[in-house]
Amino acid sequence: LDALGDEEVLAAAGPHIRAPSFEV
């Protein structure tokens, strides 16, 4: 976000390992 430097930013997250599957 700092490197992008815009006050108005849109953000989108894509497919990834979700909480039910992500054991740590």
PDBML (XML) file of the C-alpha atoms, coordinates in Angstrom:
<?xml version="1.0" encoding="UTF-8" ?>
<PDBx:datablock datablockName="MODEL"
   xmlns:PDBx="http://pdbml.pdb.org/schema/pdbx-v50.xsd"
   xmlns:xsi="http://www.w3.org/2001/XMLSchema-instance"
   xsi:schemaLocation="http://pdbml.pdb.org/schema/pdbx-v50.xsd pdbx-v50.xsd">
   <PDBx:atom_siteCategory>
      <PDBx:atom_site id="1">
         <PDBx:B_iso_or_equiv>0.00</PDBx:B_iso_or_equiv>
         <PDBx:Cartn_x>0.000</PDBx:Cartn_x>
         <PDBx:Cartn_y>0.000</PDBx:Cartn_y>
         <PDBx:Cartn_z>0.000</PDBx:Cartn_z>
         <PDBx:auth_asym_id>A</PDBx:auth_asym_id>
         <PDBx:auth_atom_id>CA</PDBx:auth_atom_id>
         <PDBx:auth_comp_id>LEU</PDBx:auth_comp_id>
         <PDBx:auth_seq_id>1</PDBx:auth_seq_id>
         <PDBx:group_PDB>ATOM</PDBx:group_PDB>
         <PDBx:label_alt_id xsi:nil="true" />
         <PDBx:label_asym_id>A</PDBx:label_asym_id>
         <PDBx:label_atom_id>CA</PDBx:label_atom_id>
         <PDBx:label_comp_id>LEU</PDBx:label_comp_id>
         <PDBx:label_entity_id>1</PDBx:label_entity_id>
         <PDBx:label_seq_id>1</PDBx:label_seq_id>
         <PDBx:occupancy>1.00</PDBx:occupancy>
         <PDBx:pdbx_PDB_model_num>1</PDBx:pdbx_PDB_model_num>
         <PDBx:type_symbol>C</PDBx:type_symbol>
      </PDBx:atom_site>
      <PDBx:atom_site id="2">
         <PDBx:B_iso_or_equiv>0.00</PDBx:B_iso_or_equiv>
         <PDBx:Cartn_x>2.845</PDBx:Cartn_x>
         <PDBx:Cartn_y>2.400</PDBx:Cartn_y>
         <PDBx:Cartn_z>0.819</PDBx:Cartn_z>
         <PDBx:auth_asym_id>A</PDBx:auth_asym_id>
         <PDBx:auth_atom_id>CA</PDBx:auth_atom_id>
         <PDBx:auth_comp_id>ASP</PDBx:auth_comp_id>
         <PDBx:auth_seq_id>2</PDBx:auth_seq_id>
         <PDBx:group_PDB>ATOM</PDBx:group_PDB>
         <PDBx:label_alt_id xsi:nil="true" />
         <PDBx:label_asym_id>A</PDBx:label_asym_id>
         <PDBx:label_atom_id>CA</PDBx:label_atom_id>
         <PDBx:label_comp_id>ASP</PDBx:label_comp_id>
         <PDBx:label_entity_id>1</PDBx:label_entity_id>
         <PDBx:label_seq_id>2</PDBx:label_seq_id>
         <PDBx:occupancy>1.00</PDBx:occupancy>
         <PDBx:pdbx_PDB_model_num>1</PDBx:pdbx_PDB_model_num>
         <PDBx:type_symbol>C</PDBx:type_symbol>
      </PDBx:atom_site>
      <PDBx:atom_site id="3">
         <PDBx:B_iso_or_equiv>0.00</PDBx:B_iso_or_equiv>
         <PDBx:Cartn_x>4.524</PDBx:Cartn_x>
         <PDBx:Cartn_y>1.644</PDBx:Cartn_y>
         <PDBx:Cartn_z>-2.502</PDBx:Cartn_z>
         <PDBx:auth_asym_id>A</PDBx:auth_asym_id>
         <PDBx:auth_atom_id>CA</PDBx:auth_atom_id>
         <PDBx:auth_comp_id>ALA</PDBx:auth_comp_id>
         <PDBx:auth_seq_id>3</PDBx:auth_seq_id>
         <PDBx:group_PDB>ATOM</PDBx:group_PDB>
         <PDBx:label_alt_id xsi:nil="true" />
         <PDBx:label_asym_id>A</PDBx:label_asym_id>
         <PDBx:label_atom_id>CA</PDBx:label_atom_id>
         <PDBx:label_comp_id>ALA</PDBx:label_comp_id>
         <PDBx:label_entity_id>1</PDBx:label_entity_id>
         <PDBx:label_seq_id>3</PDBx:label_seq_id>
         <PDBx:occupancy>1.00</PDBx:occupancy>
         <PDBx:pdbx_PDB_model_num>1</PDBx:pdbx_PDB_model_num>
         <PDBx:type_symbol>C</PDBx:type_symbol>
      </PDBx:atom_site>
      <PDBx:atom_site id="4">
         <PDBx:B_iso_or_equiv>0.00</PDBx:B_iso_or_equiv>
         <PDBx:Cartn_x>1.279</PDBx:Cartn_x>
         <PDBx:Cartn_y>2.150</PDBx:Cartn_y>
         <PDBx:Cartn_z>-4.406</PDBx:Cartn_z>
         <PDBx:auth_asym_id>A</PDBx:auth_asym_id>
         <PDBx:auth_atom_id>CA</PDBx:auth_atom_id>
         <PDBx:auth_comp_id>LEU</PDBx:auth_comp_id>
         <PDBx:auth_seq_id>4</PDBx:auth_seq_id>
         <PDBx:group_PDB>ATOM</PDBx:group_PDB>
         <PDBx:label_alt_id xsi:nil="true" />
         <PDBx:label_asym_id>A</PDBx:label_asym_id>
         <PDBx:label_atom_id>CA</PDBx:label_atom_id>
         <PDBx:label_comp_id>LEU</PDBx:label_comp_id>
         <PDBx:label_entity_id>1</PDBx:label_entity_id>
         <PDBx:label_seq_id>4</PDBx:label_seq_id>
         <PDBx:occupancy>1.00</PDBx:occupancy>
         <PDBx:pdbx_PDB_model_num>1</PDBx:pdbx_PDB_model_num>
         <PDBx:type_symbol>C</PDBx:type_symbol>
      </PDBx:atom_site>
      <PDBx:atom_site id="5">
         <PDBx:B_iso_or_equiv>0.00</PDBx:B_iso_or_equiv>
         <PDBx:Cartn_x>0.905</PDBx:Cartn_x>
         <PDBx:Cartn_y>5.522</PDBx:Cartn_y>
         <PDBx:Cartn_z>-2.729</PDBx:Cartn_z>
         <PDBx:auth_asym_id>A</PDBx:auth_asym_id>
         <PDBx:auth_atom_id>CA</PDBx:auth_atom_id>
         <PDBx:auth_comp_id>GLY</PDBx:auth_comp_id>
         <PDBx:auth_seq_id>5</PDBx:auth_seq_id>
         <PDBx:group_PDB>ATOM</PDBx:group_PDB>
         <PDBx:label_alt_id xsi:nil="true" />
         <PDBx:label_asym_id>A</PDBx:label_asym_id>
         <PDBx:label_atom_id>CA</PDBx:label_atom_id>
         <PDBx:label_comp_id>GLY</PDBx:label_comp_id>
         <PDBx:label_entity_id>1</PDBx:label_entity_id>
         <PDBx:label_seq_id>5</PDBx:label_seq_id>
         <PDBx:occupancy>1.00</PDBx:occupancy>
         <PDBx:pdbx_PDB_model_num>1</PDBx:pdbx_PDB_model_num>
         <PDBx:type_symbol>C</PDBx:type_symbol>
      </PDBx:atom_site>
      <PDBx:atom_site id="6">
         <PDBx:B_iso_or_equiv>0.00</PDBx:B_iso_or_equiv>
         <PDBx:Cartn_x>-2.766</PDBx:Cartn_x>
         <PDBx:Cartn_y>6.161</PDBx:Cartn_y>
         <PDBx:Cartn_z>-3.558</PDBx:Cartn_z>
         <PDBx:auth_asym_id>A</PDBx:auth_asym_id>
         <PDBx:auth_atom_id>CA</PDBx:auth_atom_id>
         <PDBx:auth_comp_id>ASP</PDBx:auth_comp_id>
         <PDBx:auth_seq_id>6</PDBx:auth_seq_id>
         <PDBx:group_PDB>ATOM</PDBx:group_PDB>
         <PDBx:label_alt_id xsi:nil="true" />
         <PDBx:label_asym_id>A</PDBx:label_asym_id>
         <PDBx:label_atom_id>CA</PDBx:label_atom_id>
         <PDBx:label_comp_id>ASP</PDBx:label_comp_id>
         <PDBx:label_entity_id>1</PDBx:label_entity_id>
         <PDBx:label_seq_id>6</PDBx:label_seq_id>
         <PDBx:occupancy>1.00</PDBx:occupancy>
         <PDBx:pdbx_PDB_model_num>1</PDBx:pdbx_PDB_model_num>
         <PDBx:type_symbol>C</PDBx:type_symbol>
      </PDBx:atom_site>
      <PDBx:atom_site id="7">
         <PDBx:B_iso_or_equiv>0.00</PDBx:B_iso_or_equiv>
         <PDBx:Cartn_x>-5.269</PDBx:Cartn_x>
         <PDBx:Cartn_y>7.471</PDBx:Cartn_y>
         <PDBx:Cartn_z>-1.045</PDBx:Cartn_z>
         <PDBx:auth_asym_id>A</PDBx:auth_asym_id>
         <PDBx:auth_atom_id>CA</PDBx:auth_atom_id>
         <PDBx:auth_comp_id>GLU</PDBx:auth_comp_id>
         <PDBx:auth_seq_id>7</PDBx:auth_seq_id>
         <PDBx:group_PDB>ATOM</PDBx:group_PDB>
         <PDBx:label_alt_id xsi:nil="true" />
         <PDBx:label_asym_id>A</PDBx:label_asym_id>
         <PDBx:label_atom_id>CA</PDBx:label_atom_id>
         <PDBx:label_comp_id>GLU</PDBx:label_comp_id>
         <PDBx:label_entity_id>1</PDBx:label_entity_id>
         <PDBx:label_seq_id>7</PDBx:label_seq_id>
         <PDBx:occupancy>1.00</PDBx:occupancy>
         <PDBx:pdbx_PDB_model_num>1</PDBx:pdbx_PDB_model_num>
         <PDBx:type_symbol>C</PDBx:type_symbol>
      </PDBx:atom_site>
      <PDBx:atom_site id="8">
         <PDBx:B_iso_or_equiv>0.00</PDBx:B_iso_or_equiv>
         <PDBx:Cartn_x>-8.077</PDBx:Cartn_x>
         <PDBx:Cartn_y>5.544</PDBx:Cartn_y>
         <PDBx:Cartn_z>-2.755</PDBx:Cartn_z>
         <PDBx:auth_asym_id>A</PDBx:auth_asym_id>
         <PDBx:auth_atom_id>CA</PDBx:auth_atom_id>
         <PDBx:auth_comp_id>GLU</PDBx:auth_comp_id>
         <PDBx:auth_seq_id>8</PDBx:auth_seq_id>
         <PDBx:group_PDB>ATOM</PDBx:group_PDB>
         <PDBx:label_alt_id xsi:nil="true" />
         <PDBx:label_asym_id>A</PDBx:label_asym_id>
         <PDBx:label_atom_id>CA</PDBx:label_atom_id>
         <PDBx:label_comp_id>GLU</PDBx:label_comp_id>
         <PDBx:label_entity_id>1</PDBx:label_entity_id>
         <PDBx:label_seq_id>8</PDBx:label_seq_id>
         <PDBx:occupancy>1.00</PDBx:occupancy>
         <PDBx:pdbx_PDB_model_num>1</PDBx:pdbx_PDB_model_num>
         <PDBx:type_symbol>C</PDBx:type_symbol>
      </PDBx:atom_site>
      <PDBx:atom_site id="9">
         <PDBx:B_iso_or_equiv>0.00</PDBx:B_iso_or_equiv>
         <PDBx:Cartn_x>-7.328</PDBx:Cartn_x>
         <PDBx:Cartn_y>1.851</PDBx:Cartn_y>
         <PDBx:Cartn_z>-3.314</PDBx:Cartn_z>
         <PDBx:auth_asym_id>A</PDBx:auth_asym_id>
         <PDBx:auth_atom_id>CA</PDBx:auth_atom_id>
         <PDBx:auth_comp_id>VAL</PDBx:auth_comp_id>
         <PDBx:auth_seq_id>9</PDBx:auth_seq_id>
         <PDBx:group_PDB>ATOM</PDBx:group_PDB>
         <PDBx:label_alt_id xsi:nil="true" />
         <PDBx:label_asym_id>A</PDBx:label_asym_id>
         <PDBx:label_atom_id>CA</PDBx:label_atom_id>
         <PDBx:label_comp_id>VAL</PDBx:label_comp_id>
         <PDBx:label_entity_id>1</PDBx:label_entity_id>
         <PDBx:label_seq_id>9</PDBx:label_seq_id>
         <PDBx:occupancy>1.00</PDBx:occupancy>
         <PDBx:pdbx_PDB_model_num>1</PDBx:pdbx_PDB_model_num>
         <PDBx:type_symbol>C</PDBx:type_symbol>
      </PDBx:atom_site>
      <PDBx:atom_site id="10">
         <PDBx:B_iso_or_equiv>0.00</PDBx:B_iso_or_equiv>
         <PDBx:Cartn_x>-9.442</PDBx:Cartn_x>
         <PDBx:Cartn_y>-1.094</PDBx:Cartn_y>
         <PDBx:Cartn_z>-4.453</PDBx:Cartn_z>
         <PDBx:auth_asym_id>A</PDBx:auth_asym_id>
         <PDBx:auth_atom_id>CA</PDBx:auth_atom_id>
         <PDBx:auth_comp_id>LEU</PDBx:auth_comp_id>
         <PDBx:auth_seq_id>10</PDBx:auth_seq_id>
         <PDBx:group_PDB>ATOM</PDBx:group_PDB>
         <PDBx:label_alt_id xsi:nil="true" />
         <PDBx:label_asym_id>A</PDBx:label_asym_id>
         <PDBx:label_atom_id>CA</PDBx:label_atom_id>
         <PDBx:label_comp_id>LEU</PDBx:label_comp_id>
         <PDBx:label_entity_id>1</PDBx:label_entity_id>
         <PDBx:label_seq_id>10</PDBx:label_seq_id>
         <PDBx:occupancy>1.00</PDBx:occupancy>
         <PDBx:pdbx_PDB_model_num>1</PDBx:pdbx_PDB_model_num>
         <PDBx:type_symbol>C</PDBx:type_symbol>
      </PDBx:atom_site>
      <PDBx:atom_site id="11">
         <PDBx:B_iso_or_equiv>0.00</PDBx:B_iso_or_equiv>
         <PDBx:Cartn_x>-8.458</PDBx:Cartn_x>
         <PDBx:Cartn_y>-4.565</PDBx:Cartn_y>
         <PDBx:Cartn_z>-3.257</PDBx:Cartn_z>
         <PDBx:auth_asym_id>A</PDBx:auth_asym_id>
         <PDBx:auth_atom_id>CA</PDBx:auth_atom_id>
         <PDBx:auth_comp_id>ALA</PDBx:auth_comp_id>
         <PDBx:auth_seq_id>11</PDBx:auth_seq_id>
         <PDBx:group_PDB>ATOM</PDBx:group_PDB>
         <PDBx:label_alt_id xsi:nil="true" />
         <PDBx:label_asym_id>A</PDBx:label_asym_id>
         <PDBx:label_atom_id>CA</PDBx:label_atom_id>
         <PDBx:label_comp_id>ALA</PDBx:label_comp_id>
         <PDBx:label_entity_id>1</PDBx:label_entity_id>
         <PDBx:label_seq_id>11</PDBx:label_seq_id>
         <PDBx:occupancy>1.00</PDBx:occupancy>
         <PDBx:pdbx_PDB_model_num>1</PDBx:pdbx_PDB_model_num>
         <PDBx:type_symbol>C</PDBx:type_symbol>
      </PDBx:atom_site>
      <PDBx:atom_site id="12">
         <PDBx:B_iso_or_equiv>0.00</PDBx:B_iso_or_equiv>
         <PDBx:Cartn_x>-9.425</PDBx:Cartn_x>
         <PDBx:Cartn_y>-8.099</PDBx:Cartn_y>
         <PDBx:Cartn_z>-4.219</PDBx:Cartn_z>
         <PDBx:auth_asym_id>A</PDBx:auth_asym_id>
         <PDBx:auth_atom_id>CA</PDBx:auth_atom_id>
         <PDBx:auth_comp_id>ALA</PDBx:auth_comp_id>
         <PDBx:auth_seq_id>12</PDBx:auth_seq_id>
         <PDBx:group_PDB>ATOM</PDBx:group_PDB>
         <PDBx:label_alt_id xsi:nil="true" />
         <PDBx:label_asym_id>A</PDBx:label_asym_id>
         <PDBx:label_atom_id>CA</PDBx:label_atom_id>
         <PDBx:label_comp_id>ALA</PDBx:label_comp_id>
         <PDBx:label_entity_id>1</PDBx:label_entity_id>
         <PDBx:label_seq_id>12</PDBx:label_seq_id>
         <PDBx:occupancy>1.00</PDBx:occupancy>
         <PDBx:pdbx_PDB_model_num>1</PDBx:pdbx_PDB_model_num>
         <PDBx:type_symbol>C</PDBx:type_symbol>
      </PDBx:atom_site>
      <PDBx:atom_site id="13">
         <PDBx:B_iso_or_equiv>0.00</PDBx:B_iso_or_equiv>
         <PDBx:Cartn_x>-8.360</PDBx:Cartn_x>
         <PDBx:Cartn_y>-11.456</PDBx:Cartn_y>
         <PDBx:Cartn_z>-2.779</PDBx:Cartn_z>
         <PDBx:auth_asym_id>A</PDBx:auth_asym_id>
         <PDBx:auth_atom_id>CA</PDBx:auth_atom_id>
         <PDBx:auth_comp_id>ALA</PDBx:auth_comp_id>
         <PDBx:auth_seq_id>13</PDBx:auth_seq_id>
         <PDBx:group_PDB>ATOM</PDBx:group_PDB>
         <PDBx:label_alt_id xsi:nil="true" />
         <PDBx:label_asym_id>A</PDBx:label_asym_id>
         <PDBx:label_atom_id>CA</PDBx:label_atom_id>
         <PDBx:label_comp_id>ALA</PDBx:label_comp_id>
         <PDBx:label_entity_id>1</PDBx:label_entity_id>
         <PDBx:label_seq_id>13</PDBx:label_seq_id>
         <PDBx:occupancy>1.00</PDBx:occupancy>
         <PDBx:pdbx_PDB_model_num>1</PDBx:pdbx_PDB_model_num>
         <PDBx:type_symbol>C</PDBx:type_symbol>
      </PDBx:atom_site>
      <PDBx:atom_site id="14">
         <PDBx:B_iso_or_equiv>0.00</PDBx:B_iso_or_equiv>
         <PDBx:Cartn_x>-8.337</PDBx:Cartn_x>
         <PDBx:Cartn_y>-14.640</PDBx:Cartn_y>
         <PDBx:Cartn_z>-4.809</PDBx:Cartn_z>
         <PDBx:auth_asym_id>A</PDBx:auth_asym_id>
         <PDBx:auth_atom_id>CA</PDBx:auth_atom_id>
         <PDBx:auth_comp_id>GLY</PDBx:auth_comp_id>
         <PDBx:auth_seq_id>14</PDBx:auth_seq_id>
         <PDBx:group_PDB>ATOM</PDBx:group_PDB>
         <PDBx:label_alt_id xsi:nil="true" />
         <PDBx:label_asym_id>A</PDBx:label_asym_id>
         <PDBx:label_atom_id>CA</PDBx:label_atom_id>
         <PDBx:label_comp_id>GLY</PDBx:label_comp_id>
         <PDBx:label_entity_id>1</PDBx:label_entity_id>
         <PDBx:label_seq_id>14</PDBx:label_seq_id>
         <PDBx:occupancy>1.00</PDBx:occupancy>
         <PDBx:pdbx_PDB_model_num>1</PDBx:pdbx_PDB_model_num>
         <PDBx:type_symbol>C</PDBx:type_symbol>
      </PDBx:atom_site>
      <PDBx:atom_site id="15">
         <PDBx:B_iso_or_equiv>0.00</PDBx:B_iso_or_equiv>
         <PDBx:Cartn_x>-8.502</PDBx:Cartn_x>
         <PDBx:Cartn_y>-18.378</PDBx:Cartn_y>
         <PDBx:Cartn_z>-4.098</PDBx:Cartn_z>
         <PDBx:auth_asym_id>A</PDBx:auth_asym_id>
         <PDBx:auth_atom_id>CA</PDBx:auth_atom_id>
         <PDBx:auth_comp_id>PRO</PDBx:auth_comp_id>
         <PDBx:auth_seq_id>15</PDBx:auth_seq_id>
         <PDBx:group_PDB>ATOM</PDBx:group_PDB>
         <PDBx:label_alt_id xsi:nil="true" />
         <PDBx:label_asym_id>A</PDBx:label_asym_id>
         <PDBx:label_atom_id>CA</PDBx:label_atom_id>
         <PDBx:label_comp_id>PRO</PDBx:label_comp_id>
         <PDBx:label_entity_id>1</PDBx:label_entity_id>
         <PDBx:label_seq_id>15</PDBx:label_seq_id>
         <PDBx:occupancy>1.00</PDBx:occupancy>
         <PDBx:pdbx_PDB_model_num>1</PDBx:pdbx_PDB_model_num>
         <PDBx:type_symbol>C</PDBx:type_symbol>
      </PDBx:atom_site>
      <PDBx:atom_site id="16">
         <PDBx:B_iso_or_equiv>0.00</PDBx:B_iso_or_equiv>
         <PDBx:Cartn_x>-6.242</PDBx:Cartn_x>
         <PDBx:Cartn_y>-19.620</PDBx:Cartn_y>
         <PDBx:Cartn_z>-1.316</PDBx:Cartn_z>
         <PDBx:auth_asym_id>A</PDBx:auth_asym_id>
         <PDBx:auth_atom_id>CA</PDBx:auth_atom_id>
         <PDBx:auth_comp_id>HIS</PDBx:auth_comp_id>
         <PDBx:auth_seq_id>16</PDBx:auth_seq_id>
         <PDBx:group_PDB>ATOM</PDBx:group_PDB>
         <PDBx:label_alt_id xsi:nil="true" />
         <PDBx:label_asym_id>A</PDBx:label_asym_id>
         <PDBx:label_atom_id>CA</PDBx:label_atom_id>
         <PDBx:label_comp_id>HIS</PDBx:label_comp_id>
         <PDBx:label_entity_id>1</PDBx:label_entity_id>
         <PDBx:label_seq_id>16</PDBx:label_seq_id>
         <PDBx:occupancy>1.00</PDBx:occupancy>
         <PDBx:pdbx_PDB_model_num>1</PDBx:pdbx_PDB_model_num>
         <PDBx:type_symbol>C</PDBx:type_symbol>
      </PDBx:atom_site>
      <PDBx:atom_site id="17">
         <PDBx:B_iso_or_equiv>0.00</PDBx:B_iso_or_equiv>
         <PDBx:Cartn_x>-6.194</PDBx:Cartn_x>
         <PDBx:Cartn_y>-22.151</PDBx:Cartn_y>
         <PDBx:Cartn_z>1.498</PDBx:Cartn_z>
         <PDBx:auth_asym_id>A</PDBx:auth_asym_id>
         <PDBx:auth_atom_id>CA</PDBx:auth_atom_id>
         <PDBx:auth_comp_id>ILE</PDBx:auth_comp_id>
         <PDBx:auth_seq_id>17</PDBx:auth_seq_id>
         <PDBx:group_PDB>ATOM</PDBx:group_PDB>
         <PDBx:label_alt_id xsi:nil="true" />
         <PDBx:label_asym_id>A</PDBx:label_asym_id>
         <PDBx:label_atom_id>CA</PDBx:label_atom_id>
         <PDBx:label_comp_id>ILE</PDBx:label_comp_id>
         <PDBx:label_entity_id>1</PDBx:label_entity_id>
         <PDBx:label_seq_id>17</PDBx:label_seq_id>
         <PDBx:occupancy>1.00</PDBx:occupancy>
         <PDBx:pdbx_PDB_model_num>1</PDBx:pdbx_PDB_model_num>
         <PDBx:type_symbol>C</PDBx:type_symbol>
      </PDBx:atom_site>
      <PDBx:atom_site id="18">
         <PDBx:B_iso_or_equiv>0.00</PDBx:B_iso_or_equiv>
         <PDBx:Cartn_x>-9.075</PDBx:Cartn_x>
         <PDBx:Cartn_y>-21.297</PDBx:Cartn_y>
         <PDBx:Cartn_z>3.812</PDBx:Cartn_z>
         <PDBx:auth_asym_id>A</PDBx:auth_asym_id>
         <PDBx:auth_atom_id>CA</PDBx:auth_atom_id>
         <PDBx:auth_comp_id>ARG</PDBx:auth_comp_id>
         <PDBx:auth_seq_id>18</PDBx:auth_seq_id>
         <PDBx:group_PDB>ATOM</PDBx:group_PDB>
         <PDBx:label_alt_id xsi:nil="true" />
         <PDBx:label_asym_id>A</PDBx:label_asym_id>
         <PDBx:label_atom_id>CA</PDBx:label_atom_id>
         <PDBx:label_comp_id>ARG</PDBx:label_comp_id>
         <PDBx:label_entity_id>1</PDBx:label_entity_id>
         <PDBx:label_seq_id>18</PDBx:label_seq_id>
         <PDBx:occupancy>1.00</PDBx:occupancy>
         <PDBx:pdbx_PDB_model_num>1</PDBx:pdbx_PDB_model_num>
         <PDBx:type_symbol>C</PDBx:type_symbol>
      </PDBx:atom_site>
      <PDBx:atom_site id="19">
         <PDBx:B_iso_or_equiv>0.00</PDBx:B_iso_or_equiv>
         <PDBx:Cartn_x>-9.242</PDBx:Cartn_x>
         <PDBx:Cartn_y>-21.524</PDBx:Cartn_y>
         <PDBx:Cartn_z>7.589</PDBx:Cartn_z>
         <PDBx:auth_asym_id>A</PDBx:auth_asym_id>
         <PDBx:auth_atom_id>CA</PDBx:auth_atom_id>
         <PDBx:auth_comp_id>ALA</PDBx:auth_comp_id>
         <PDBx:auth_seq_id>19</PDBx:auth_seq_id>
         <PDBx:group_PDB>ATOM</PDBx:group_PDB>
         <PDBx:label_alt_id xsi:nil="true" />
         <PDBx:label_asym_id>A</PDBx:label_asym_id>
         <PDBx:label_atom_id>CA</PDBx:label_atom_id>
         <PDBx:label_comp_id>ALA</PDBx:label_comp_id>
         <PDBx:label_entity_id>1</PDBx:label_entity_id>
         <PDBx:label_seq_id>19</PDBx:label_seq_id>
         <PDBx:occupancy>1.00</PDBx:occupancy>
         <PDBx:pdbx_PDB_model_num>1</PDBx:pdbx_PDB_model_num>
         <PDBx:type_symbol>C</PDBx:type_symbol>
      </PDBx:atom_site>
      <PDBx:atom_site id="20">
         <PDBx:B_iso_or_equiv>0.00</PDBx:B_iso_or_equiv>
         <PDBx:Cartn_x>-10.908</PDBx:Cartn_x>
         <PDBx:Cartn_y>-24.971</PDBx:Cartn_y>
         <PDBx:Cartn_z>7.763</PDBx:Cartn_z>
         <PDBx:auth_asym_id>A</PDBx:auth_asym_id>
         <PDBx:auth_atom_id>CA</PDBx:auth_atom_id>
         <PDBx:auth_comp_id>PRO</PDBx:auth_comp_id>
         <PDBx:auth_seq_id>20</PDBx:auth_seq_id>
         <PDBx:group_PDB>ATOM</PDBx:group_PDB>
         <PDBx:label_alt_id xsi:nil="true" />
         <PDBx:label_asym_id>A</PDBx:label_asym_id>
         <PDBx:label_atom_id>CA</PDBx:label_atom_id>
         <PDBx:label_comp_id>PRO</PDBx:label_comp_id>
         <PDBx:label_entity_id>1</PDBx:label_entity_id>
         <PDBx:label_seq_id>20</PDBx:label_seq_id>
         <PDBx:occupancy>1.00</PDBx:occupancy>
         <PDBx:pdbx_PDB_model_num>1</PDBx:pdbx_PDB_model_num>
         <PDBx:type_symbol>C</PDBx:type_symbol>
      </PDBx:atom_site>
      <PDBx:atom_site id="21">
         <PDBx:B_iso_or_equiv>0.00</PDBx:B_iso_or_equiv>
         <PDBx:Cartn_x>-7.951</PDBx:Cartn_x>
         <PDBx:Cartn_y>-26.418</PDBx:Cartn_y>
         <PDBx:Cartn_z>5.821</PDBx:Cartn_z>
         <PDBx:auth_asym_id>A</PDBx:auth_asym_id>
         <PDBx:auth_atom_id>CA</PDBx:auth_atom_id>
         <PDBx:auth_comp_id>SER</PDBx:auth_comp_id>
         <PDBx:auth_seq_id>21</PDBx:auth_seq_id>
         <PDBx:group_PDB>ATOM</PDBx:group_PDB>
         <PDBx:label_alt_id xsi:nil="true" />
         <PDBx:label_asym_id>A</PDBx:label_asym_id>
         <PDBx:label_atom_id>CA</PDBx:label_atom_id>
         <PDBx:label_comp_id>SER</PDBx:label_comp_id>
         <PDBx:label_entity_id>1</PDBx:label_entity_id>
         <PDBx:label_seq_id>21</PDBx:label_seq_id>
         <PDBx:occupancy>1.00</PDBx:occupancy>
         <PDBx:pdbx_PDB_model_num>1</PDBx:pdbx_PDB_model_num>
         <PDBx:type_symbol>C</PDBx:type_symbol>
      </PDBx:atom_site>
      <PDBx:atom_site id="22">
         <PDBx:B_iso_or_equiv>0.00</PDBx:B_iso_or_equiv>
         <PDBx:Cartn_x>-5.058</PDBx:Cartn_x>
         <PDBx:Cartn_y>-24.264</PDBx:Cartn_y>
         <PDBx:Cartn_z>7.049</PDBx:Cartn_z>
         <PDBx:auth_asym_id>A</PDBx:auth_asym_id>
         <PDBx:auth_atom_id>CA</PDBx:auth_atom_id>
         <PDBx:auth_comp_id>PHE</PDBx:auth_comp_id>
         <PDBx:auth_seq_id>22</PDBx:auth_seq_id>
         <PDBx:group_PDB>ATOM</PDBx:group_PDB>
         <PDBx:label_alt_id xsi:nil="true" />
         <PDBx:label_asym_id>A</PDBx:label_asym_id>
         <PDBx:label_atom_id>CA</PDBx:label_atom_id>
         <PDBx:label_comp_id>PHE</PDBx:label_comp_id>
         <PDBx:label_entity_id>1</PDBx:label_entity_id>
         <PDBx:label_seq_id>22</PDBx:label_seq_id>
         <PDBx:occupancy>1.00</PDBx:occupancy>
         <PDBx:pdbx_PDB_model_num>1</PDBx:pdbx_PDB_model_num>
         <PDBx:type_symbol>C</PDBx:type_symbol>
      </PDBx:atom_site>
      <PDBx:atom_site id="23">
         <PDBx:B_iso_or_equiv>0.00</PDBx:B_iso_or_equiv>
         <PDBx:Cartn_x>-3.631</PDBx:Cartn_x>
         <PDBx:Cartn_y>-26.069</PDBx:Cartn_y>
         <PDBx:Cartn_z>10.081</PDBx:Cartn_z>
         <PDBx:auth_asym_id>A</PDBx:auth_asym_id>
         <PDBx:auth_atom_id>CA</PDBx:auth_atom_id>
         <PDBx:auth_comp_id>GLU</PDBx:auth_comp_id>
         <PDBx:auth_seq_id>23</PDBx:auth_seq_id>
         <PDBx:group_PDB>ATOM</PDBx:group_PDB>
         <PDBx:label_alt_id xsi:nil="true" />
         <PDBx:label_asym_id>A</PDBx:label_asym_id>
         <PDBx:label_atom_id>CA</PDBx:label_atom_id>
         <PDBx:label_comp_id>GLU</PDBx:label_comp_id>
         <PDBx:label_entity_id>1</PDBx:label_entity_id>
         <PDBx:label_seq_id>23</PDBx:label_seq_id>
         <PDBx:occupancy>1.00</PDBx:occupancy>
         <PDBx:pdbx_PDB_model_num>1</PDBx:pdbx_PDB_model_num>
         <PDBx:type_symbol>C</PDBx:type_symbol>
      </PDBx:atom_site>
      <PDBx:atom_site id="24">
         <PDBx:B_iso_or_equiv>0.00</PDBx:B_iso_or_equiv>
         <PDBx:Cartn_x>-0.722</PDBx:Cartn_x>
         <PDBx:Cartn_y>-24.441</PDBx:Cartn_y>
         <PDBx:Cartn_z>11.925</PDBx:Cartn_z>
         <PDBx:auth_asym_id>A</PDBx:auth_asym_id>
         <PDBx:auth_atom_id>CA</PDBx:auth_atom_id>
         <PDBx:auth_comp_id>VAL</PDBx:auth_comp_id>
         <PDBx:auth_seq_id>24</PDBx:auth_seq_id>
         <PDBx:group_PDB>ATOM</PDBx:group_PDB>
         <PDBx:label_alt_id xsi:nil="true" />
         <PDBx:label_asym_id>A</PDBx:label_asym_id>
         <PDBx:label_atom_id>CA</PDBx:label_atom_id>
         <PDBx:label_comp_id>VAL</PDBx:label_comp_id>
         <PDBx:label_entity_id>1</PDBx:label_entity_id>
         <PDBx:label_seq_id>24</PDBx:label_seq_id>
         <PDBx:occupancy>1.00</PDBx:occupancy>
         <PDBx:pdbx_PDB_model_num>1</PDBx:pdbx_PDB_model_num>
         <PDBx:type_symbol>C</PDBx:type_symbol>
      </PDBx:atom_site>
   </PDBx:atom_siteCategory>
</PDBx:datablock>
